[in-house]
Amino acid sequence: MNEEDQSTESKPEKKRNPIASVVVAIVGLACGVYLINPTAGVVELIPDNIPVFGNLDEAGAVAILISCFAYFGLDIGAIFGRKEKADAKQAKGEVIDN
């Protein structure tokens, strides 16, 4: 098989577990709600007035939310140029598995 045949061949899609998709959606929704109103004080895991550590809960919620987006195929990292770097590494043969 040559390179042209490999590029036109479609990869088989993985079937997702519907329960896992619902759980990921609920976690993403909870993180989104937490981030919309982080200083209301109703649900505040770490108080924001603690220096350095005060915003770690919001940073964690953002990380989880980005992971939830990636699970459903929306790659937020591509906005910041990460995809181009990964494509360049793959072209050089530096990426083992994509």
PDB file of N, CA and C in Angstrom:
ATOM      1  N   MET A   1       0.840  -1.173   0.000  1.00  0.00           N
ATOM      2  CA  MET A   1       0.000   0.000   0.000  1.00  0.00           C
ATOM      3  C   MET A   1       0.889   1.241   0.000  1.00  0.00           C
ATOM      4  N   ASN A   2       0.621   2.172  -0.886  1.00  0.00           N
ATOM      5  CA  ASN A   2       1.438   3.381  -0.911  1.00  0.00           C
ATOM      6  C   ASN A   2       0.786   4.489  -0.094  1.00  0.00           C
ATOM      7  N   GLU A   3       1.444   5.642  -0.039  1.00  0.00           N
ATOM      8  CA  GLU A   3       0.977   6.734   0.819  1.00  0.00           C
ATOM      9  C   GLU A   3      -0.380   7.270   0.373  1.00  0.00           C
ATOM     10  N   GLU A   4      -0.643   7.287  -0.937  1.00  0.00           N
ATOM     11  CA  GLU A   4      -1.917   7.808  -1.428  1.00  0.00           C
ATOM     12  C   GLU A   4      -3.069   6.938  -0.961  1.00  0.00           C
ATOM     13  N   ASP A   5      -2.880   5.614  -0.969  1.00  0.00           N
ATOM     14  CA  ASP A   5      -3.930   4.721  -0.514  1.00  0.00           C
ATOM     15  C   ASP A   5      -4.204   4.902   0.970  1.00  0.00           C
ATOM     16  N   GLN A   6      -3.148   5.146   1.745  1.00  0.00           N
ATOM     17  CA  GLN A   6      -3.322   5.324   3.179  1.00  0.00           C
ATOM     18  C   GLN A   6      -4.050   6.624   3.486  1.00  0.00           C
ATOM     19  N   SER A   7      -3.789   7.682   2.732  1.00  0.00           N
ATOM     20  CA  SER A   7      -4.424   8.962   3.029  1.00  0.00           C
ATOM     21  C   SER A   7      -5.889   8.974   2.638  1.00  0.00           C
ATOM     22  N   THR A   8      -6.285   8.184   1.621  1.00  0.00           N
ATOM     23  CA  THR A   8      -7.688   8.177   1.213  1.00  0.00           C
ATOM     24  C   THR A   8      -8.508   7.183   2.014  1.00  0.00           C
ATOM     25  N   GLU A   9      -7.850   6.249   2.694  1.00  0.00           N
ATOM     26  CA  GLU A   9      -8.560   5.280   3.501  1.00  0.00           C
ATOM     27  C   GLU A   9      -9.104   5.952   4.748  1.00  0.00           C
ATOM     28  N   SER A  10     -10.365   5.700   5.051  1.00  0.00           N
ATOM     29  CA  SER A  10     -10.936   6.306   6.251  1.00  0.00           C
ATOM     30  C   SER A  10     -10.688   5.385   7.442  1.00  0.00           C
ATOM     31  N   LYS A  11     -10.423   6.000   8.565  1.00  0.00           N
ATOM     32  CA  LYS A  11     -10.199   5.241   9.783  1.00  0.00           C
ATOM     33  C   LYS A  11     -11.547   4.844  10.362  1.00  0.00           C
ATOM     34  N   PRO A  12     -11.641   3.645  10.920  1.00  0.00           N
ATOM     35  CA  PRO A  12     -12.917   3.250  11.523  1.00  0.00           C
ATOM     36  C   PRO A  12     -13.204   4.112  12.751  1.00  0.00           C
ATOM     37  N   GLU A  13     -14.444   4.537  12.859  1.00  0.00           N
ATOM     38  CA  GLU A  13     -14.816   5.378  13.998  1.00  0.00           C
ATOM     39  C   GLU A  13     -15.087   4.505  15.209  1.00  0.00           C
ATOM     40  N   LYS A  14     -14.653   4.997  16.367  1.00  0.00           N
ATOM     41  CA  LYS A  14     -14.905   4.285  17.606  1.00  0.00           C
ATOM     42  C   LYS A  14     -16.337   4.568  18.047  1.00  0.00           C
ATOM     43  N   LYS A  15     -17.006   3.543  18.508  1.00  0.00           N
ATOM     44  CA  LYS A  15     -18.349   3.731  19.055  1.00  0.00           C
ATOM     45  C   LYS A  15     -18.206   4.173  20.502  1.00  0.00           C
ATOM     46  N   ARG A  16     -18.895   5.242  20.842  1.00  0.00           N
ATOM     47  CA  ARG A  16     -18.838   5.746  22.213  1.00  0.00           C
ATOM     48  C   ARG A  16     -19.950   5.138  23.040  1.00  0.00           C
ATOM     49  N   ASN A  17     -19.625   4.935  24.276  1.00  0.00           N
ATOM     50  CA  ASN A  17     -20.612   4.463  25.227  1.00  0.00           C
ATOM     51  C   ASN A  17     -21.569   5.613  25.518  1.00  0.00           C
ATOM     52  N   PRO A  18     -22.879   5.439  25.318  1.00  0.00           N
ATOM     53  CA  PRO A  18     -23.815   6.548  25.548  1.00  0.00           C
ATOM     54  C   PRO A  18     -23.849   7.011  27.005  1.00  0.00           C
ATOM     55  N   ILE A  19     -23.632   6.098  27.922  1.00  0.00           N
ATOM     56  CA  ILE A  19     -23.626   6.486  29.339  1.00  0.00           C
ATOM     57  C   ILE A  19     -22.429   7.378  29.629  1.00  0.00           C
ATOM     58  N   ALA A  20     -21.275   7.023  29.067  1.00  0.00           N
ATOM     59  CA  ALA A  20     -20.075   7.845  29.261  1.00  0.00           C
ATOM     60  C   ALA A  20     -20.276   9.222  28.640  1.00  0.00           C
ATOM     61  N   SER A  21     -20.923   9.284  27.488  1.00  0.00           N
ATOM     62  CA  SER A  21     -21.183  10.577  26.848  1.00  0.00           C
ATOM     63  C   SER A  21     -22.085  11.456  27.704  1.00  0.00           C
ATOM     64  N   VAL A  22     -23.080  10.850  28.328  1.00  0.00           N
ATOM     65  CA  VAL A  22     -23.986  11.611  29.202  1.00  0.00           C
ATOM     66  C   VAL A  22     -23.231  12.113  30.425  1.00  0.00           C
ATOM     67  N   VAL A  23     -22.386  11.266  30.995  1.00  0.00           N
ATOM     68  CA  VAL A  23     -21.614  11.666  32.178  1.00  0.00           C
ATOM     69  C   VAL A  23     -20.663  12.813  31.817  1.00  0.00           C
ATOM     70  N   VAL A  24     -19.989  12.708  30.675  1.00  0.00           N
ATOM     71  CA  VAL A  24     -19.069  13.769  30.252  1.00  0.00           C
ATOM     72  C   VAL A  24     -19.840  15.066  30.008  1.00  0.00           C
ATOM     73  N   ALA A  25     -21.024  14.965  29.414  1.00  0.00           N
ATOM     74  CA  ALA A  25     -21.840  16.156  29.171  1.00  0.00           C
ATOM     75  C   ALA A  25     -22.285  16.807  30.482  1.00  0.00           C
ATOM     76  N   ILE A  26     -22.668  16.004  31.448  1.00  0.00           N
ATOM     77  CA  ILE A  26     -23.096  16.549  32.746  1.00  0.00           C
ATOM     78  C   ILE A  26     -21.929  17.214  33.462  1.00  0.00           C
ATOM     79  N   VAL A  27     -20.761  16.574  33.434  1.00  0.00           N
ATOM     80  CA  VAL A  27     -19.574  17.165  34.070  1.00  0.00           C
ATOM     81  C   VAL A  27     -19.208  18.474  33.380  1.00  0.00           C
ATOM     82  N   GLY A  28     -19.251  18.490  32.043  1.00  0.00           N
ATOM     83  CA  GLY A  28     -18.967  19.721  31.300  1.00  0.00           C
ATOM     84  C   GLY A  28     -19.960  20.818  31.619  1.00  0.00           C
ATOM     85  N   LEU A  29     -21.230  20.464  31.707  1.00  0.00           N
ATOM     86  CA  LEU A  29     -22.262  21.447  32.053  1.00  0.00           C
ATOM     87  C   LEU A  29     -22.047  21.994  33.461  1.00  0.00           C
ATOM     88  N   ALA A  30     -21.701  21.114  34.400  1.00  0.00           N
ATOM     89  CA  ALA A  30     -21.444  21.564  35.775  1.00  0.00           C
ATOM     90  C   ALA A  30     -20.244  22.512  35.820  1.00  0.00           C
ATOM     91  N   CYS A  31     -19.196  22.207  35.064  1.00  0.00           N
ATOM     92  CA  CYS A  31     -18.029  23.096  35.016  1.00  0.00           C
ATOM     93  C   CYS A  31     -18.393  24.432  34.389  1.00  0.00           C
ATOM     94  N   GLY A  32     -19.207  24.403  33.336  1.00  0.00           N
ATOM     95  CA  GLY A  32     -19.639  25.645  32.700  1.00  0.00           C
ATOM     96  C   GLY A  32     -20.446  26.517  33.649  1.00  0.00           C
ATOM     97  N   VAL A  33     -21.368  25.901  34.375  1.00  0.00           N
ATOM     98  CA  VAL A  33     -22.174  26.652  35.351  1.00  0.00           C
ATOM     99  C   VAL A  33     -21.280  27.202  36.453  1.00  0.00           C
ATOM    100  N   TYR A  34     -20.312  26.409  36.902  1.00  0.00           N
ATOM    101  CA  TYR A  34     -19.393  26.866  37.949  1.00  0.00           C
ATOM    102  C   TYR A  34     -18.586  28.077  37.476  1.00  0.00           C
ATOM    103  N   LEU A  35     -18.192  28.072  36.208  1.00  0.00           N
ATOM    104  CA  LEU A  35     -17.379  29.170  35.683  1.00  0.00           C
ATOM    105  C   LEU A  35     -18.187  30.419  35.373  1.00  0.00           C
ATOM    106  N   ILE A  36     -19.459  30.264  35.076  1.00  0.00           N
ATOM    107  CA  ILE A  36     -20.286  31.434  34.769  1.00  0.00           C
ATOM    108  C   ILE A  36     -20.404  32.345  35.982  1.00  0.00           C
ATOM    109  N   ASN A  37     -20.527  31.772  37.160  1.00  0.00           N
ATOM    110  CA  ASN A  37     -20.704  32.570  38.368  1.00  0.00           C
ATOM    111  C   ASN A  37     -19.720  32.130  39.451  1.00  0.00           C
ATOM    112  N   PRO A  38     -18.407  32.308  39.212  1.00  0.00           N
ATOM    113  CA  PRO A  38     -17.427  31.778  40.162  1.00  0.00           C
ATOM    114  C   PRO A  38     -17.337  32.539  41.475  1.00  0.00           C
ATOM    115  N   THR A  39     -17.743  33.789  41.520  1.00  0.00           N
ATOM    116  CA  THR A  39     -17.563  34.573  42.752  1.00  0.00           C
ATOM    117  C   THR A  39     -18.857  34.790  43.517  1.00  0.00           C
ATOM    118  N   ALA A  40     -19.891  34.054  43.176  1.00  0.00           N
ATOM    119  CA  ALA A  40     -21.160  34.228  43.888  1.00  0.00           C
ATOM    120  C   ALA A  40     -21.070  33.722  45.313  1.00  0.00           C
ATOM    121  N   GLY A  41     -20.204  32.779  45.552  1.00  0.00           N
ATOM    122  CA  GLY A  41     -20.059  32.251  46.897  1.00  0.00           C
ATOM    123  C   GLY A  41     -21.019  31.134  47.208  1.00  0.00           C
ATOM    124  N   VAL A  42     -21.956  30.844  46.300  1.00  0.00           N
ATOM    125  CA  VAL A  42     -22.901  29.757  46.546  1.00  0.00           C
ATOM    126  C   VAL A  42     -22.159  28.425  46.529  1.00  0.00           C
ATOM    127  N   VAL A  43     -21.384  28.202  45.490  1.00  0.00           N
ATOM    128  CA  VAL A  43     -20.559  27.002  45.395  1.00  0.00           C
ATOM    129  C   VAL A  43     -19.139  27.471  45.101  1.00  0.00           C
ATOM    130  N   GLU A  44     -18.335  27.542  46.112  1.00  0.00           N
ATOM    131  CA  GLU A  44     -16.949  27.995  45.955  1.00  0.00           C
ATOM    132  C   GLU A  44     -16.066  26.985  46.658  1.00  0.00           C
ATOM    133  N   LEU A  45     -15.316  26.220  45.874  1.00  0.00           N
ATOM    134  CA  LEU A  45     -14.487  25.184  46.471  1.00  0.00           C
ATOM    135  C   LEU A  45     -13.312  25.772  47.246  1.00  0.00           C
ATOM    136  N   ILE A  46     -12.633  26.745  46.655  1.00  0.00           N
ATOM    137  CA  ILE A  46     -11.520  27.432  47.318  1.00  0.00           C
ATOM    138  C   ILE A  46     -11.834  28.925  47.261  1.00  0.00           C
ATOM    139  N   PRO A  47     -11.902  29.618  48.393  1.00  0.00           N
ATOM    140  CA  PRO A  47     -12.203  31.054  48.358  1.00  0.00           C
ATOM    141  C   PRO A  47     -11.187  31.825  47.517  1.00  0.00           C
ATOM    142  N   ASP A  48     -11.682  32.751  46.689  1.00  0.00           N
ATOM    143  CA  ASP A  48     -10.820  33.497  45.778  1.00  0.00           C
ATOM    144  C   ASP A  48      -9.892  34.480  46.479  1.00  0.00           C
ATOM    145  N   ASN A  49     -10.148  34.815  47.726  1.00  0.00           N
ATOM    146  CA  ASN A  49      -9.296  35.784  48.400  1.00  0.00           C
ATOM    147  C   ASN A  49      -8.023  35.162  48.982  1.00  0.00           C
ATOM    148  N   ILE A  50      -7.840  33.860  48.818  1.00  0.00           N
ATOM    149  CA  ILE A  50      -6.594  33.223  49.229  1.00  0.00           C
ATOM    150  C   ILE A  50      -5.578  33.424  48.102  1.00  0.00           C
ATOM    151  N   PRO A  51      -4.457  34.097  48.367  1.00  0.00           N
ATOM    152  CA  PRO A  51      -3.481  34.357  47.305  1.00  0.00           C
ATOM    153  C   PRO A  51      -2.968  33.067  46.669  1.00  0.00           C
ATOM    154  N   VAL A  52      -2.759  33.104  45.401  1.00  0.00           N
ATOM    155  CA  VAL A  52      -2.233  32.035  44.550  1.00  0.00           C
ATOM    156  C   VAL A  52      -3.203  30.845  44.446  1.00  0.00           C
ATOM    157  N   PHE A  53      -3.655  30.299  45.545  1.00  0.00           N
ATOM    158  CA  PHE A  53      -4.505  29.118  45.525  1.00  0.00           C
ATOM    159  C   PHE A  53      -5.970  29.434  45.261  1.00  0.00           C
ATOM    160  N   GLY A  54      -6.358  30.671  45.376  1.00  0.00           N
ATOM    161  CA  GLY A  54      -7.763  31.046  45.255  1.00  0.00           C
ATOM    162  C   GLY A  54      -8.379  30.765  43.901  1.00  0.00           C
ATOM    163  N   ASN A  55      -7.609  30.821  42.850  1.00  0.00           N
ATOM    164  CA  ASN A  55      -8.162  30.620  41.517  1.00  0.00           C
ATOM    165  C   ASN A  55      -7.872  29.232  40.956  1.00  0.00           C
ATOM    166  N   LEU A  56      -7.322  28.338  41.744  1.00  0.00           N
ATOM    167  CA  LEU A  56      -7.030  26.994  41.263  1.00  0.00           C
ATOM    168  C   LEU A  56      -8.297  26.203  40.944  1.00  0.00           C
ATOM    169  N   ASP A  57      -9.378  26.428  41.685  1.00  0.00           N
ATOM    170  CA  ASP A  57     -10.604  25.696  41.388  1.00  0.00           C
ATOM    171  C   ASP A  57     -11.182  26.109  40.031  1.00  0.00           C
ATOM    172  N   GLU A  58     -11.091  27.398  39.700  1.00  0.00           N
ATOM    173  CA  GLU A  58     -11.547  27.842  38.384  1.00  0.00           C
ATOM    174  C   GLU A  58     -10.645  27.293  37.282  1.00  0.00           C
ATOM    175  N   ALA A  59      -9.340  27.250  37.529  1.00  0.00           N
ATOM    176  CA  ALA A  59      -8.413  26.696  36.537  1.00  0.00           C
ATOM    177  C   ALA A  59      -8.699  25.210  36.310  1.00  0.00           C
ATOM    178  N   GLY A  60      -8.978  24.501  37.364  1.00  0.00           N
ATOM    179  CA  GLY A  60      -9.339  23.093  37.224  1.00  0.00           C
ATOM    180  C   GLY A  60     -10.632  22.895  36.463  1.00  0.00           C
ATOM    181  N   ALA A  61     -11.609  23.757  36.727  1.00  0.00           N
ATOM    182  CA  ALA A  61     -12.884  23.673  36.007  1.00  0.00           C
ATOM    183  C   ALA A  61     -12.682  23.949  34.521  1.00  0.00           C
ATOM    184  N   VAL A  62     -11.812  24.895  34.193  1.00  0.00           N
ATOM    185  CA  VAL A  62     -11.516  25.184  32.779  1.00  0.00           C
ATOM    186  C   VAL A  62     -10.843  23.983  32.130  1.00  0.00           C
ATOM    187  N   ALA A  63      -9.903  23.367  32.809  1.00  0.00           N
ATOM    188  CA  ALA A  63      -9.205  22.198  32.260  1.00  0.00           C
ATOM    189  C   ALA A  63     -10.182  21.050  32.007  1.00  0.00           C
ATOM    190  N   ILE A  64     -11.077  20.816  32.936  1.00  0.00           N
ATOM    191  CA  ILE A  64     -12.072  19.754  32.765  1.00  0.00           C
ATOM    192  C   ILE A  64     -13.026  20.094  31.622  1.00  0.00           C
ATOM    193  N   LEU A  65     -13.430  21.354  31.519  1.00  0.00           N
ATOM    194  CA  LEU A  65     -14.338  21.770  30.450  1.00  0.00           C
ATOM    195  C   LEU A  65     -13.686  21.608  29.080  1.00  0.00           C
ATOM    196  N   ILE A  66     -12.417  21.968  28.959  1.00  0.00           N
ATOM    197  CA  ILE A  66     -11.699  21.787  27.690  1.00  0.00           C
ATOM    198  C   ILE A  66     -11.590  20.299  27.353  1.00  0.00           C
ATOM    199  N   SER A  67     -11.382  19.463  28.355  1.00  0.00           N
ATOM    200  CA  SER A  67     -11.336  18.019  28.126  1.00  0.00           C
ATOM    201  C   SER A  67     -12.691  17.486  27.665  1.00  0.00           C
ATOM    202  N   CYS A  68     -13.758  18.020  28.220  1.00  0.00           N
ATOM    203  CA  CYS A  68     -15.101  17.610  27.791  1.00  0.00           C
ATOM    204  C   CYS A  68     -15.353  18.021  26.344  1.00  0.00           C
ATOM    205  N   PHE A  69     -14.927  19.219  25.976  1.00  0.00           N
ATOM    206  CA  PHE A  69     -15.060  19.650  24.585  1.00  0.00           C
ATOM    207  C   PHE A  69     -14.269  18.725  23.664  1.00  0.00           C
ATOM    208  N   ALA A  70     -13.068  18.353  24.074  1.00  0.00           N
ATOM    209  CA  ALA A  70     -12.229  17.474  23.252  1.00  0.00           C
ATOM    210  C   ALA A  70     -12.867  16.094  23.107  1.00  0.00           C
ATOM    211  N   TYR A  71     -13.537  15.629  24.133  1.00  0.00           N
ATOM    212  CA  TYR A  71     -14.218  14.331  24.072  1.00  0.00           C
ATOM    213  C   TYR A  71     -15.263  14.321  22.961  1.00  0.00           C
ATOM    214  N   PHE A  72     -15.943  15.432  22.783  1.00  0.00           N
ATOM    215  CA  PHE A  72     -16.982  15.519  21.765  1.00  0.00           C
ATOM    216  C   PHE A  72     -16.462  16.034  20.431  1.00  0.00           C
ATOM    217  N   GLY A  73     -15.147  16.200  20.296  1.00  0.00           N
ATOM    218  CA  GLY A  73     -14.557  16.526  19.006  1.00  0.00           C
ATOM    219  C   GLY A  73     -14.265  17.986  18.764  1.00  0.00           C
ATOM    220  N   LEU A  74     -14.496  18.851  19.719  1.00  0.00           N
ATOM    221  CA  LEU A  74     -14.189  20.271  19.563  1.00  0.00           C
ATOM    222  C   LEU A  74     -12.835  20.532  20.213  1.00  0.00           C
ATOM    223  N   ASP A  75     -11.798  20.648  19.375  1.00  0.00           N
ATOM    224  CA  ASP A  75     -10.437  20.796  19.894  1.00  0.00           C
ATOM    225  C   ASP A  75     -10.115  22.271  20.093  1.00  0.00           C
ATOM    226  N   ILE A  76     -10.190  22.728  21.322  1.00  0.00           N
ATOM    227  CA  ILE A  76      -9.924  24.126  21.656  1.00  0.00           C
ATOM    228  C   ILE A  76      -8.438  24.440  21.444  1.00  0.00           C
ATOM    229  N   GLY A  77      -7.562  23.447  21.604  1.00  0.00           N
ATOM    230  CA  GLY A  77      -6.127  23.658  21.429  1.00  0.00           C
ATOM    231  C   GLY A  77      -5.764  24.068  20.013  1.00  0.00           C
ATOM    232  N   ALA A  78      -6.583  23.683  19.032  1.00  0.00           N
ATOM    233  CA  ALA A  78      -6.302  24.045  17.636  1.00  0.00           C
ATOM    234  C   ALA A  78      -6.409  25.552  17.428  1.00  0.00           C
ATOM    235  N   ILE A  79      -7.192  26.225  18.237  1.00  0.00           N
ATOM    236  CA  ILE A  79      -7.337  27.679  18.126  1.00  0.00           C
ATOM    237  C   ILE A  79      -6.006  28.368  18.407  1.00  0.00           C
ATOM    238  N   PHE A  80      -5.232  27.794  19.300  1.00  0.00           N
ATOM    239  CA  PHE A  80      -3.973  28.398  19.713  1.00  0.00           C
ATOM    240  C   PHE A  80      -2.765  27.845  18.968  1.00  0.00           C
ATOM    241  N   GLY A  81      -2.993  27.109  17.883  1.00  0.00           N
ATOM    242  CA  GLY A  81      -1.896  26.654  17.051  1.00  0.00           C
ATOM    243  C   GLY A  81      -1.303  25.322  17.435  1.00  0.00           C
ATOM    244  N   ARG A  82      -1.880  24.624  18.377  1.00  0.00           N
ATOM    245  CA  ARG A  82      -1.334  23.340  18.786  1.00  0.00           C
ATOM    246  C   ARG A  82      -1.474  22.309  17.673  1.00  0.00           C
ATOM    247  N   LYS A  83      -2.529  22.371  16.897  1.00  0.00           N
ATOM    248  CA  LYS A  83      -2.753  21.400  15.828  1.00  0.00           C
ATOM    249  C   LYS A  83      -1.678  21.505  14.758  1.00  0.00           C
ATOM    250  N   GLU A  84      -1.277  22.719  14.397  1.00  0.00           N
ATOM    251  CA  GLU A  84      -0.244  22.887  13.384  1.00  0.00           C
ATOM    252  C   GLU A  84       1.079  22.289  13.857  1.00  0.00           C
ATOM    253  N   LYS A  85       1.383  22.460  15.138  1.00  0.00           N
ATOM    254  CA  LYS A  85       2.619  21.891  15.683  1.00  0.00           C
ATOM    255  C   LYS A  85       2.559  20.365  15.647  1.00  0.00           C
ATOM    256  N   ALA A  86       1.408  19.798  15.998  1.00  0.00           N
ATOM    257  CA  ALA A  86       1.264  18.348  15.982  1.00  0.00           C
ATOM    258  C   ALA A  86       1.372  17.815  14.558  1.00  0.00           C
ATOM    259  N   ASP A  87       0.768  18.526  13.600  1.00  0.00           N
ATOM    260  CA  ASP A  87       0.857  18.103  12.201  1.00  0.00           C
ATOM    261  C   ASP A  87       2.300  18.166  11.698  1.00  0.00           C
ATOM    262  N   ALA A  88       3.034  19.194  12.109  1.00  0.00           N
ATOM    263  CA  ALA A  88       4.434  19.320  11.695  1.00  0.00           C
ATOM    264  C   ALA A  88       5.274  18.189  12.280  1.00  0.00           C
ATOM    265  N   LYS A  89       5.028  17.837  13.538  1.00  0.00           N
ATOM    266  CA  LYS A  89       5.762  16.736  14.161  1.00  0.00           C
ATOM    267  C   LYS A  89       5.433  15.416  13.485  1.00  0.00           C
ATOM    268  N   GLN A  90       4.165  15.242  13.123  1.00  0.00           N
ATOM    269  CA  GLN A  90       3.772  14.003  12.466  1.00  0.00           C
ATOM    270  C   GLN A  90       4.426  13.897  11.093  1.00  0.00           C
ATOM    271  N   ALA A  91       4.524  15.007  10.383  1.00  0.00           N
ATOM    272  CA  ALA A  91       5.160  14.999   9.063  1.00  0.00           C
ATOM    273  C   ALA A  91       6.641  14.639   9.173  1.00  0.00           C
ATOM    274  N   LYS A  92       7.275  15.054  10.264  1.00  0.00           N
ATOM    275  CA  LYS A  92       8.688  14.731  10.486  1.00  0.00           C
ATOM    276  C   LYS A  92       8.877  13.301  11.005  1.00  0.00           C
ATOM    277  N   GLY A  93       7.789  12.682  11.416  1.00  0.00           N
ATOM    278  CA  GLY A  93       7.884  11.326  11.952  1.00  0.00           C
ATOM    279  C   GLY A  93       8.142  11.297  13.436  1.00  0.00           C
ATOM    280  N   GLU A  94       7.929  12.404  14.129  1.00  0.00           N
ATOM    281  CA  GLU A  94       8.180  12.458  15.570  1.00  0.00           C
ATOM    282  C   GLU A  94       7.007  11.942  16.389  1.00  0.00           C
ATOM    283  N   VAL A  95       5.828  11.900  15.800  1.00  0.00           N
ATOM    284  CA  VAL A  95       4.651  11.432  16.526  1.00  0.00           C
ATOM    285  C   VAL A  95       4.490   9.940  16.295  1.00  0.00           C
ATOM    286  N   ILE A  96       4.410   9.186  17.369  1.00  0.00           N
ATOM    287  CA  ILE A  96       4.297   7.731  17.250  1.00  0.00           C
ATOM    288  C   ILE A  96       2.854   7.341  16.934  1.00  0.00           C
ATOM    289  N   ASP A  97       1.910   7.878  17.668  1.00  0.00           N
ATOM    290  CA  ASP A  97       0.506   7.513  17.501  1.00  0.00           C
ATOM    291  C   ASP A  97      -0.316   8.781  17.540  1.00  0.00           C
ATOM    292  N   ASN A  98      -1.251   8.909  16.647  1.00  0.00           N
ATOM    293  CA  ASN A  98      -2.068  10.114  16.589  1.00  0.00           C
ATOM    294  C   ASN A  98      -3.440   9.862  17.107  1.00  0.00           C
TER     295      ASN A  98
END
